[in-house]
PDB file of N, CA and C in Angstrom:
ATOM      1  N   MET A   1       0.852  -1.158   0.000  1.00  0.00           N
ATOM      2  CA  MET A   1       0.000   0.000   0.000  1.00  0.00           C
ATOM      3  C   MET A   1       0.899   1.221   0.000  1.00  0.00           C
ATOM      4  N   GLN A   2       0.479   2.239  -0.716  1.00  0.00           N
ATOM      5  CA  GLN A   2       1.292   3.445  -0.804  1.00  0.00           C
ATOM      6  C   GLN A   2       0.386   4.651  -0.615  1.00  0.00           C
ATOM      7  N   PHE A   3       0.839   5.575   0.235  1.00  0.00           N
ATOM      8  CA  PHE A   3       0.103   6.817   0.474  1.00  0.00           C
ATOM      9  C   PHE A   3       0.779   7.933  -0.292  1.00  0.00           C
ATOM     10  N   ILE A   4      -0.035   8.787  -0.875  1.00  0.00           N
ATOM     11  CA  ILE A   4       0.489   9.997  -1.504  1.00  0.00           C
ATOM     12  C   ILE A   4      -0.092  11.159  -0.725  1.00  0.00           C
ATOM     13  N   LEU A   5       0.771  11.941  -0.128  1.00  0.00           N
ATOM     14  CA  LEU A   5       0.338  13.057   0.701  1.00  0.00           C
ATOM     15  C   LEU A   5       0.597  14.373  -0.032  1.00  0.00           C
ATOM     16  N   TYR A   6      -0.377  15.212   0.015  1.00  0.00           N
ATOM     17  CA  TYR A   6      -0.231  16.550  -0.533  1.00  0.00           C
ATOM     18  C   TYR A   6      -0.277  17.529   0.637  1.00  0.00           C
ATOM     19  N   SER A   7       0.687  18.380   0.709  1.00  0.00           N
ATOM     20  CA  SER A   7       0.707  19.344   1.812  1.00  0.00           C
ATOM     21  C   SER A   7       1.279  20.674   1.314  1.00  0.00           C
ATOM     22  N   LYS A   8       1.012  21.675   2.130  1.00  0.00           N
ATOM     23  CA  LYS A   8       1.563  22.995   1.822  1.00  0.00           C
ATOM     24  C   LYS A   8       3.005  23.031   2.296  1.00  0.00           C
ATOM     25  N   PRO A   9       3.853  23.629   1.512  1.00  0.00           N
ATOM     26  CA  PRO A   9       5.244  23.742   1.947  1.00  0.00           C
ATOM     27  C   PRO A   9       5.348  24.496   3.257  1.00  0.00           C
ATOM     28  N   GLY A  10       6.151  23.939   4.172  1.00  0.00           N
ATOM     29  CA  GLY A  10       6.397  24.591   5.451  1.00  0.00           C
ATOM     30  C   GLY A  10       5.339  24.339   6.499  1.00  0.00           C
ATOM     31  N   CYS A  11       4.335  23.500   6.215  1.00  0.00           N
ATOM     32  CA  CYS A  11       3.268  23.221   7.180  1.00  0.00           C
ATOM     33  C   CYS A  11       3.839  22.347   8.288  1.00  0.00           C
ATOM     34  N   TYR A  12       3.813  22.863   9.511  1.00  0.00           N
ATOM     35  CA  TYR A  12       4.409  22.107  10.619  1.00  0.00           C
ATOM     36  C   TYR A  12       3.578  20.875  10.984  1.00  0.00           C
ATOM     37  N   LEU A  13       2.281  20.860  10.657  1.00  0.00           N
ATOM     38  CA  LEU A  13       1.434  19.701  10.952  1.00  0.00           C
ATOM     39  C   LEU A  13       1.785  18.500  10.061  1.00  0.00           C
ATOM     40  N   CYS A  14       2.283  18.792   8.839  1.00  0.00           N
ATOM     41  CA  CYS A  14       2.577  17.716   7.898  1.00  0.00           C
ATOM     42  C   CYS A  14       3.972  17.145   8.082  1.00  0.00           C
ATOM     43  N   LYS A  15       4.807  17.834   8.850  1.00  0.00           N
ATOM     44  CA  LYS A  15       6.171  17.348   9.046  1.00  0.00           C
ATOM     45  C   LYS A  15       6.129  16.008   9.779  1.00  0.00           C
ATOM     46  N   GLY A  16       6.779  15.048   9.250  1.00  0.00           N
ATOM     47  CA  GLY A  16       6.854  13.733   9.879  1.00  0.00           C
ATOM     48  C   GLY A  16       5.600  12.892   9.752  1.00  0.00           C
ATOM     49  N   LEU A  17       4.567  13.450   9.091  1.00  0.00           N
ATOM     50  CA  LEU A  17       3.318  12.689   8.970  1.00  0.00           C
ATOM     51  C   LEU A  17       3.532  11.406   8.161  1.00  0.00           C
ATOM     52  N   GLN A  18       4.285  11.521   7.069  1.00  0.00           N
ATOM     53  CA  GLN A  18       4.544  10.335   6.245  1.00  0.00           C
ATOM     54  C   GLN A  18       5.275   9.270   7.053  1.00  0.00           C
ATOM     55  N   GLU A  19       6.264   9.688   7.857  1.00  0.00           N
ATOM     56  CA  GLU A  19       6.999   8.727   8.669  1.00  0.00           C
ATOM     57  C   GLU A  19       6.096   8.083   9.711  1.00  0.00           C
ATOM     58  N   LYS A  20       5.231   8.907  10.311  1.00  0.00           N
ATOM     59  CA  LYS A  20       4.307   8.360  11.310  1.00  0.00           C
ATOM     60  C   LYS A  20       3.325   7.385  10.668  1.00  0.00           C
ATOM     61  N   LEU A  21       2.813   7.732   9.486  1.00  0.00           N
ATOM     62  CA  LEU A  21       1.891   6.829   8.800  1.00  0.00           C
ATOM     63  C   LEU A  21       2.600   5.535   8.399  1.00  0.00           C
ATOM     64  N   SER A  22       3.844   5.640   7.962  1.00  0.00           N
ATOM     65  CA  SER A  22       4.611   4.445   7.605  1.00  0.00           C
ATOM     66  C   SER A  22       4.819   3.553   8.819  1.00  0.00           C
ATOM     67  N   THR A  23       5.110   4.164   9.962  1.00  0.00           N
ATOM     68  CA  THR A  23       5.303   3.397  11.193  1.00  0.00           C
ATOM     69  C   THR A  23       4.012   2.679  11.588  1.00  0.00           C
ATOM     70  N   VAL A  24       2.905   3.415  11.532  1.00  0.00           N
ATOM     71  CA  VAL A  24       1.606   2.811  11.867  1.00  0.00           C
ATOM     72  C   VAL A  24       1.297   1.671  10.902  1.00  0.00           C
ATOM     73  N   LEU A  25       1.559   1.896   9.619  1.00  0.00           N
ATOM     74  CA  LEU A  25       1.290   0.873   8.623  1.00  0.00           C
ATOM     75  C   LEU A  25       2.166  -0.366   8.867  1.00  0.00           C
ATOM     76  N   ARG A  26       3.450  -0.163   9.158  1.00  0.00           N
ATOM     77  CA  ARG A  26       4.335  -1.300   9.444  1.00  0.00           C
ATOM     78  C   ARG A  26       3.861  -2.070  10.674  1.00  0.00           C
ATOM     79  N   LYS A  27       3.482  -1.328  11.719  1.00  0.00           N
ATOM     80  CA  LYS A  27       2.993  -1.993  12.935  1.00  0.00           C
ATOM     81  C   LYS A  27       1.696  -2.741  12.667  1.00  0.00           C
ATOM     82  N   SER A  28       0.822  -2.155  11.849  1.00  0.00           N
ATOM     83  CA  SER A  28      -0.445  -2.812  11.517  1.00  0.00           C
ATOM     84  C   SER A  28      -0.195  -4.100  10.739  1.00  0.00           C
ATOM     85  N   ILE A  29       0.716  -4.035   9.777  1.00  0.00           N
ATOM     86  CA  ILE A  29       1.039  -5.218   8.989  1.00  0.00           C
ATOM     87  C   ILE A  29       1.667  -6.286   9.886  1.00  0.00           C
ATOM     88  N   ALA A  30       2.567  -5.867  10.769  1.00  0.00           N
ATOM     89  CA  ALA A  30       3.207  -6.816  11.694  1.00  0.00           C
ATOM     90  C   ALA A  30       2.154  -7.463  12.596  1.00  0.00           C
ATOM     91  N   PHE A  31       1.200  -6.657  13.072  1.00  0.00           N
ATOM     92  CA  PHE A  31       0.142  -7.178  13.934  1.00  0.00           C
ATOM     93  C   PHE A  31      -0.716  -8.190  13.171  1.00  0.00           C
ATOM     94  N   LEU A  32      -1.080  -7.844  11.928  1.00  0.00           N
ATOM     95  CA  LEU A  32      -1.892  -8.758  11.123  1.00  0.00           C
ATOM     96  C   LEU A  32      -1.126 -10.044  10.815  1.00  0.00           C
ATOM     97  N   MET A  33       0.161  -9.907  10.518  1.00  0.00           N
ATOM     98  CA  MET A  33       0.964 -11.093  10.240  1.00  0.00           C
ATOM     99  C   MET A  33       1.085 -11.963  11.490  1.00  0.00           C
ATOM    100  N   HIS A  34       1.189 -11.326  12.647  1.00  0.00           N
ATOM    101  CA  HIS A  34       1.248 -12.078  13.904  1.00  0.00           C
ATOM    102  C   HIS A  34      -0.054 -12.841  14.101  1.00  0.00           C
ATOM    103  N   GLY A  35      -1.175 -12.181  13.802  1.00  0.00           N
ATOM    104  CA  GLY A  35      -2.477 -12.851  13.899  1.00  0.00           C
ATOM    105  C   GLY A  35      -2.570 -14.013  12.935  1.00  0.00           C
ATOM    106  N   ASP A  36      -2.064 -13.825  11.705  1.00  0.00           N
ATOM    107  CA  ASP A  36      -2.057 -14.918  10.731  1.00  0.00           C
ATOM    108  C   ASP A  36      -1.177 -16.062  11.221  1.00  0.00           C
ATOM    109  N   THR A  37      -0.041 -15.709  11.828  1.00  0.00           N
ATOM    110  CA  THR A  37       0.855 -16.736  12.351  1.00  0.00           C
ATOM    111  C   THR A  37       0.170 -17.534  13.448  1.00  0.00           C
ATOM    112  N   LEU A  38      -0.538 -16.835  14.330  1.00  0.00           N
ATOM    113  CA  LEU A  38      -1.263 -17.538  15.403  1.00  0.00           C
ATOM    114  C   LEU A  38      -2.349 -18.433  14.829  1.00  0.00           C
ATOM    115  N   ALA A  39      -3.042 -17.932  13.798  1.00  0.00           N
ATOM    116  CA  ALA A  39      -4.085 -18.745  13.165  1.00  0.00           C
ATOM    117  C   ALA A  39      -3.469 -19.981  12.521  1.00  0.00           C
ATOM    118  N   LEU A  40      -2.326 -19.811  11.860  1.00  0.00           N
ATOM    119  CA  LEU A  40      -1.653 -20.959  11.244  1.00  0.00           C
ATOM    120  C   LEU A  40      -1.186 -21.954  12.299  1.00  0.00           C
ATOM    121  N   GLN A  41      -0.698 -21.438  13.415  1.00  0.00           N
ATOM    122  CA  GLN A  41      -0.284 -22.339  14.498  1.00  0.00           C
ATOM    123  C   GLN A  41      -1.483 -23.114  15.029  1.00  0.00           C
ATOM    124  N   GLY A  42      -2.622 -22.415  15.151  1.00  0.00           N
ATOM    125  CA  GLY A  42      -3.841 -23.096  15.600  1.00  0.00           C
ATOM    126  C   GLY A  42      -4.277 -24.161  14.621  1.00  0.00           C
ATOM    127  N   ASN A  43      -4.199 -23.847  13.318  1.00  0.00           N
ATOM    128  CA  ASN A  43      -4.560 -24.831  12.299  1.00  0.00           C
ATOM    129  C   ASN A  43      -3.598 -26.010  12.327  1.00  0.00           C
ATOM    130  N   ALA A  44      -2.312 -25.724  12.507  1.00  0.00           N
ATOM    131  CA  ALA A  44      -1.324 -26.806  12.569  1.00  0.00           C
ATOM    132  C   ALA A  44      -1.587 -27.700  13.778  1.00  0.00           C
ATOM    133  N   LEU A  45      -1.951 -27.094  14.904  1.00  0.00           N
ATOM    134  CA  LEU A  45      -2.253 -27.887  16.098  1.00  0.00           C
ATOM    135  C   LEU A  45      -3.487 -28.757  15.868  1.00  0.00           C
ATOM    136  N   THR A  46      -4.494 -28.196  15.230  1.00  0.00           N
ATOM    137  CA  THR A  46      -5.695 -28.965  14.916  1.00  0.00           C
ATOM    138  C   THR A  46      -5.368 -30.120  13.987  1.00  0.00           C
ATOM    139  N   LEU A  47      -4.554 -29.852  12.967  1.00  0.00           N
ATOM    140  CA  LEU A  47      -4.148 -30.923  12.051  1.00  0.00           C
ATOM    141  C   LEU A  47      -3.354 -32.003  12.783  1.00  0.00           C
ATOM    142  N   TYR A  48      -2.498 -31.585  13.701  1.00  0.00           N
ATOM    143  CA  TYR A  48      -1.713 -32.544  14.480  1.00  0.00           C
ATOM    144  C   TYR A  48      -2.636 -33.419  15.324  1.00  0.00           C
ATOM    145  N   ARG A  49      -3.614 -32.790  15.976  1.00  0.00           N
ATOM    146  CA  ARG A  49      -4.562 -33.558  16.795  1.00  0.00           C
ATOM    147  C   ARG A  49      -5.358 -34.529  15.930  1.00  0.00           C
ATOM    148  N   ASP A  50      -5.785 -34.056  14.749  1.00  0.00           N
ATOM    149  CA  ASP A  50      -6.523 -34.931  13.836  1.00  0.00           C
ATOM    150  C   ASP A  50      -5.654 -36.101  13.393  1.00  0.00           C
ATOM    151  N   ALA A  51      -4.395 -35.822  13.111  1.00  0.00           N
ATOM    152  CA  ALA A  51      -3.476 -36.890  12.697  1.00  0.00           C
ATOM    153  C   ALA A  51      -3.292 -37.899  13.822  1.00  0.00           C
ATOM    154  N   MET A  52      -3.189 -37.408  15.051  1.00  0.00           N
ATOM    155  CA  MET A  52      -3.043 -38.320  16.186  1.00  0.00           C
ATOM    156  C   MET A  52      -4.304 -39.176  16.357  1.00  0.00           C
ATOM    157  N   ALA A  53      -5.473 -38.574  16.165  1.00  0.00           N
ATOM    158  CA  ALA A  53      -6.729 -39.326  16.266  1.00  0.00           C
ATOM    159  C   ALA A  53      -6.786 -40.386  15.169  1.00  0.00           C
ATOM    160  N   LEU A  54      -6.382 -40.014  13.953  1.00  0.00           N
ATOM    161  CA  LEU A  54      -6.374 -40.987  12.856  1.00  0.00           C
ATOM    162  C   LEU A  54      -5.385 -42.109  13.132  1.00  0.00           C
ATOM    163  N   GLN A  55      -4.272 -41.767  13.729  1.00  0.00           N
ATOM    164  CA  GLN A  55      -3.291 -42.798  14.079  1.00  0.00           C
ATOM    165  C   GLN A  55      -3.892 -43.758  15.114  1.00  0.00           C
ATOM    166  N   GLY A  56      -4.654 -43.207  16.055  1.00  0.00           N
ATOM    167  CA  GLY A  56      -5.336 -44.057  17.036  1.00  0.00           C
ATOM    168  C   GLY A  56      -6.348 -44.978  16.377  1.00  0.00           C
ATOM    169  N   TYR A  57      -7.114 -44.432  15.400  1.00  0.00           N
ATOM    170  CA  TYR A  57      -8.079 -45.270  14.680  1.00  0.00           C
ATOM    171  C   TYR A  57      -7.365 -46.353  13.880  1.00  0.00           C
ATOM    172  N   ALA A  58      -6.259 -45.989  13.251  1.00  0.00           N
ATOM    173  CA  ALA A  58      -5.493 -46.972  12.474  1.00  0.00           C
ATOM    174  C   ALA A  58      -4.967 -48.071  13.382  1.00  0.00           C
ATOM    175  N   LEU A  59      -4.512 -47.700  14.559  1.00  0.00           N
ATOM    176  CA  LEU A  59      -4.018 -48.699  15.511  1.00  0.00           C
ATOM    177  C   LEU A  59      -5.154 -49.624  15.950  1.00  0.00           C
ATOM    178  N   ALA A  60      -6.331 -49.055  16.199  1.00  0.00           N
ATOM    179  CA  ALA A  60      -7.479 -49.880  16.585  1.00  0.00           C
ATOM    180  C   ALA A  60      -7.850 -50.839  15.454  1.00  0.00           C
ATOM    181  N   LEU A  61      -7.826 -50.345  14.209  1.00  0.00           N
ATOM    182  CA  LEU A  61      -8.121 -51.218  13.070  1.00  0.00           C
ATOM    183  C   LEU A  61      -7.072 -52.323  12.940  1.00  0.00           C
ATOM    184  N   TYR A  62      -5.829 -51.972  13.178  1.00  0.00           N
ATOM    185  CA  TYR A  62      -4.756 -52.970  13.122  1.00  0.00           C
ATOM    186  C   TYR A  62      -4.969 -54.048  14.189  1.00  0.00           C
ATOM    187  N   ARG A  63      -5.325 -53.623  15.393  1.00  0.00           N
ATOM    188  CA  ARG A  63      -5.594 -54.580  16.467  1.00  0.00           C
ATOM    189  C   ARG A  63      -6.768 -55.480  16.108  1.00  0.00           C
ATOM    190  N   ASP A  64      -7.821 -54.868  15.527  1.00  0.00           N
ATOM    191  CA  ASP A  64      -8.981 -55.660  15.109  1.00  0.00           C
ATOM    192  C   ASP A  64      -8.588 -56.674  14.035  1.00  0.00           C
ATOM    193  N   ALA A  65      -7.736 -56.232  13.104  1.00  0.00           N
ATOM    194  CA  ALA A  65      -7.286 -57.144  12.047  1.00  0.00           C
ATOM    195  C   ALA A  65      -6.489 -58.294  12.630  1.00  0.00           C
ATOM    196  N   LEU A  66      -5.639 -57.994  13.608  1.00  0.00           N
ATOM    197  CA  LEU A  66      -4.884 -59.067  14.268  1.00  0.00           C
ATOM    198  C   LEU A  66      -5.816 -60.032  14.989  1.00  0.00           C
ATOM    199  N   ALA A  67      -6.834 -59.480  15.643  1.00  0.00           N
ATOM    200  CA  ALA A  67      -7.798 -60.341  16.339  1.00  0.00           C
ATOM    201  C   ALA A  67      -8.542 -61.226  15.336  1.00  0.00           C
ATOM    202  N   LEU A  68      -8.944 -60.630  14.201  1.00  0.00           N
ATOM    203  CA  LEU A  68      -9.626 -61.418  13.174  1.00  0.00           C
ATOM    204  C   LEU A  68      -8.702 -62.486  12.603  1.00  0.00           C
ATOM    205  N   GLN A  69      -7.452 -62.123  12.430  1.00  0.00           N
ATOM    206  CA  GLN A  69      -6.476 -63.094  11.937  1.00  0.00           C
ATOM    207  C   GLN A  69      -6.332 -64.250  12.938  1.00  0.00           C
ATOM    208  N   GLY A  70      -6.296 -63.901  14.215  1.00  0.00           N
ATOM    209  CA  GLY A  70      -6.236 -64.937  15.252  1.00  0.00           C
ATOM    210  C   GLY A  70      -7.471 -65.813  15.225  1.00  0.00           C
ATOM    211  N   ASN A  71      -8.646 -65.187  15.046  1.00  0.00           N
ATOM    212  CA  ASN A  71      -9.888 -65.964  14.972  1.00  0.00           C
ATOM    213  C   ASN A  71      -9.887 -66.870  13.742  1.00  0.00           C
ATOM    214  N   ALA A  72      -9.388 -66.346  12.624  1.00  0.00           N
ATOM    215  CA  ALA A  72      -9.333 -67.159  11.408  1.00  0.00           C
ATOM    216  C   ALA A  72      -8.395 -68.346  11.604  1.00  0.00           C
ATOM    217  N   LEU A  73      -7.287 -68.124  12.276  1.00  0.00           N
ATOM    218  CA  LEU A  73      -6.342 -69.217  12.544  1.00  0.00           C
ATOM    219  C   LEU A  73      -6.990 -70.268  13.443  1.00  0.00           C
ATOM    220  N   THR A  74      -7.717 -69.811  14.450  1.00  0.00           N
ATOM    221  CA  THR A  74      -8.419 -70.749  15.335  1.00  0.00           C
ATOM    222  C   THR A  74      -9.449 -71.549  14.553  1.00  0.00           C
ATOM    223  N   LEU A  75     -10.215 -70.874  13.686  1.00  0.00           N
ATOM    224  CA  LEU A  75     -11.208 -71.577  12.870  1.00  0.00           C
ATOM    225  C   LEU A  75     -10.537 -72.580  11.935  1.00  0.00           C
ATOM    226  N   TYR A  76      -9.398 -72.210  11.387  1.00  0.00           N
ATOM    227  CA  TYR A  76      -8.663 -73.125  10.513  1.00  0.00           C
ATOM    228  C   TYR A  76      -8.211 -74.360  11.293  1.00  0.00           C
ATOM    229  N   ARG A  77      -7.690 -74.148  12.484  1.00  0.00           N
ATOM    230  CA  ARG A  77      -7.256 -75.284  13.313  1.00  0.00           C
ATOM    231  C   ARG A  77      -8.442 -76.180  13.663  1.00  0.00           C
ATOM    232  N   ASP A  78      -9.585 -75.543  13.995  1.00  0.00           N
ATOM    233  CA  ASP A  78     -10.782 -76.326  14.309  1.00  0.00           C
ATOM    234  C   ASP A  78     -11.235 -77.124  13.092  1.00  0.00           C
ATOM    235  N   ALA A  79     -11.176 -76.522  11.916  1.00  0.00           N
ATOM    236  CA  ALA A  79     -11.571 -77.221  10.693  1.00  0.00           C
ATOM    237  C   ALA A  79     -10.642 -78.398  10.420  1.00  0.00           C
ATOM    238  N   MET A  80      -9.351 -78.198  10.655  1.00  0.00           N
ATOM    239  CA  MET A  80      -8.393 -79.284  10.461  1.00  0.00           C
ATOM    240  C   MET A  80      -8.672 -80.422  11.443  1.00  0.00           C
ATOM    241  N   ALA A  81      -9.010 -80.090  12.689  1.00  0.00           N
ATOM    242  CA  ALA A  81      -9.330 -81.119  13.686  1.00  0.00           C
ATOM    243  C   ALA A  81     -10.585 -81.873  13.279  1.00  0.00           C
ATOM    244  N   LEU A  82     -11.598 -81.144  12.774  1.00  0.00           N
ATOM    245  CA  LEU A  82     -12.825 -81.797  12.310  1.00  0.00           C
ATOM    246  C   LEU A  82     -12.539 -82.708  11.123  1.00  0.00           C
ATOM    247  N   GLN A  83     -11.655 -82.253  10.245  1.00  0.00           N
ATOM    248  CA  GLN A  83     -11.292 -83.073   9.093  1.00  0.00           C
ATOM    249  C   GLN A  83     -10.591 -84.357   9.554  1.00  0.00           C
ATOM    250  N   ARG A  84      -9.692 -84.239  10.546  1.00  0.00           N
ATOM    251  CA  ARG A  84      -9.032 -85.431  11.096  1.00  0.00           C
ATOM    252  C   ARG A  84     -10.058 -86.372  11.740  1.00  0.00           C
ATOM    253  N   ASP A  85     -11.006 -85.774  12.499  1.00  0.00           N
ATOM    254  CA  ASP A  85     -12.044 -86.597  13.132  1.00  0.00           C
ATOM    255  C   ASP A  85     -12.898 -87.298  12.081  1.00  0.00           C
ATOM    256  N   ALA A  86     -13.231 -86.573  11.004  1.00  0.00           N
ATOM    257  CA  ALA A  86     -14.039 -87.177   9.934  1.00  0.00           C
ATOM    258  C   ALA A  86     -13.276 -88.315   9.274  1.00  0.00           C
ATOM    259  N   LEU A  87     -11.979 -88.111   9.085  1.00  0.00           N
ATOM    260  CA  LEU A  87     -11.156 -89.169   8.489  1.00  0.00           C
ATOM    261  C   LEU A  87     -11.091 -90.395   9.411  1.00  0.00           C
ATOM    262  N   THR A  88     -10.970 -90.132  10.714  1.00  0.00           N
ATOM    263  CA  THR A  88     -10.958 -91.231  11.687  1.00  0.00           C
ATOM    264  C   THR A  88     -12.288 -91.979  11.658  1.00  0.00           C
ATOM    265  N   LEU A  89     -13.398 -91.247  11.622  1.00  0.00           N
ATOM    266  CA  LEU A  89     -14.720 -91.881  11.546  1.00  0.00           C
ATOM    267  C   LEU A  89     -14.870 -92.689  10.266  1.00  0.00           C
ATOM    268  N   TYR A  90     -14.360 -92.177   9.170  1.00  0.00           N
ATOM    269  CA  TYR A  90     -14.428 -92.884   7.892  1.00  0.00           C
ATOM    270  C   TYR A  90     -13.639 -94.194   7.972  1.00  0.00           C
ATOM    271  N   ARG A  91     -12.439 -94.120   8.558  1.00  0.00           N
ATOM    272  CA  ARG A  91     -11.626 -95.339   8.713  1.00  0.00           C
ATOM    273  C   ARG A  91     -12.336 -96.350   9.620  1.00  0.00           C
ATOM    274  N   ASP A  92     -12.930 -95.841  10.706  1.00  0.00           N
ATOM    275  CA  ASP A  92     -13.666 -96.745  11.614  1.00  0.00           C
ATOM    276  C   ASP A  92     -14.850 -97.384  10.892  1.00  0.00           C
ATOM    277  N   ALA A  93     -15.517 -96.597  10.068  1.00  0.00           N
ATOM    278  CA  ALA A  93     -16.659 -97.134   9.321  1.00  0.00           C
ATOM    279  C   ALA A  93     -16.200 -98.202   8.336  1.00  0.00           C
ATOM    280  N   LEU A  94     -15.072 -97.954   7.678  1.00  0.00           N
ATOM    281  CA  LEU A  94     -14.540 -98.960   6.760  1.00  0.00           C
ATOM    282  C   LEU A  94     -14.161-100.234   7.511  1.00  0.00           C
ATOM    283  N   ALA A  95     -13.562-100.057   8.698  1.00  0.00           N
ATOM    284  CA  ALA A  95     -13.167-101.222   9.499  1.00  0.00           C
ATOM    285  C   ALA A  95     -14.395-102.013   9.925  1.00  0.00           C
ATOM    286  N   LEU A  96     -15.451-101.325  10.337  1.00  0.00           N
ATOM    287  CA  LEU A  96     -16.686-102.000  10.745  1.00  0.00           C
ATOM    288  C   LEU A  96     -17.327-102.703   9.568  1.00  0.00           C
ATOM    289  N   GLN A  97     -17.259-102.032   8.429  1.00  0.00           N
ATOM    290  CA  GLN A  97     -17.832-102.626   7.222  1.00  0.00           C
ATOM    291  C   GLN A  97     -17.099-103.906   6.853  1.00  0.00           C
ATOM    292  N   SER A  98     -15.767-103.861   6.962  1.00  0.00           N
ATOM    293  CA  SER A  98     -15.005-105.067   6.617  1.00  0.00           C
ATOM    294  C   SER A  98     -15.255-106.177   7.625  1.00  0.00           C
ATOM    295  N   ILE A  99     -15.479-105.846   8.885  1.00  0.00           N
ATOM    296  CA  ILE A  99     -15.777-106.855   9.906  1.00  0.00           C
ATOM    297  C   ILE A  99     -17.160-107.449   9.660  1.00  0.00           C
ATOM    298  N   ALA A 100     -18.106-106.569   9.267  1.00  0.00           N
ATOM    299  CA  ALA A 100     -19.467-107.025   9.049  1.00  0.00           C
ATOM    300  C   ALA A 100     -19.572-107.966   7.860  1.00  0.00           C
ATOM    301  N   PHE A 101     -18.753-107.803   6.855  1.00  0.00           N
ATOM    302  CA  PHE A 101     -18.819-108.660   5.666  1.00  0.00           C
ATOM    303  C   PHE A 101     -17.959-109.903   5.800  1.00  0.00           C
ATOM    304  N   HIS A 102     -17.240-110.108   6.809  1.00  0.00           N
ATOM    305  CA  HIS A 102     -16.367-111.295   6.980  1.00  0.00           C
ATOM    306  C   HIS A 102     -16.973-112.256   7.903  1.00  0.00           C
TER     307      HIS A 102
END
């Protein structure tokens, strides 16, 4: 921003006015920039908190996935045991069948 001042030569009221306006303008800009900096810091803090919350959700999902993986492994082991039991029953049935026909 630029100010153009018109004054009468030798006017004591206008002496230093440009310097005073420049000082006020610099201070105003510095104040506004400080406010912007604080707002950016607040936004950064909010983003950090959101990232931490997302990290917590990701960790919970990871734990759930591990639990599901554990459950799937247990179900697989149970299925294998049932398959072994079925095979044992089949062998017993064959043995009984062979005894019954002899």
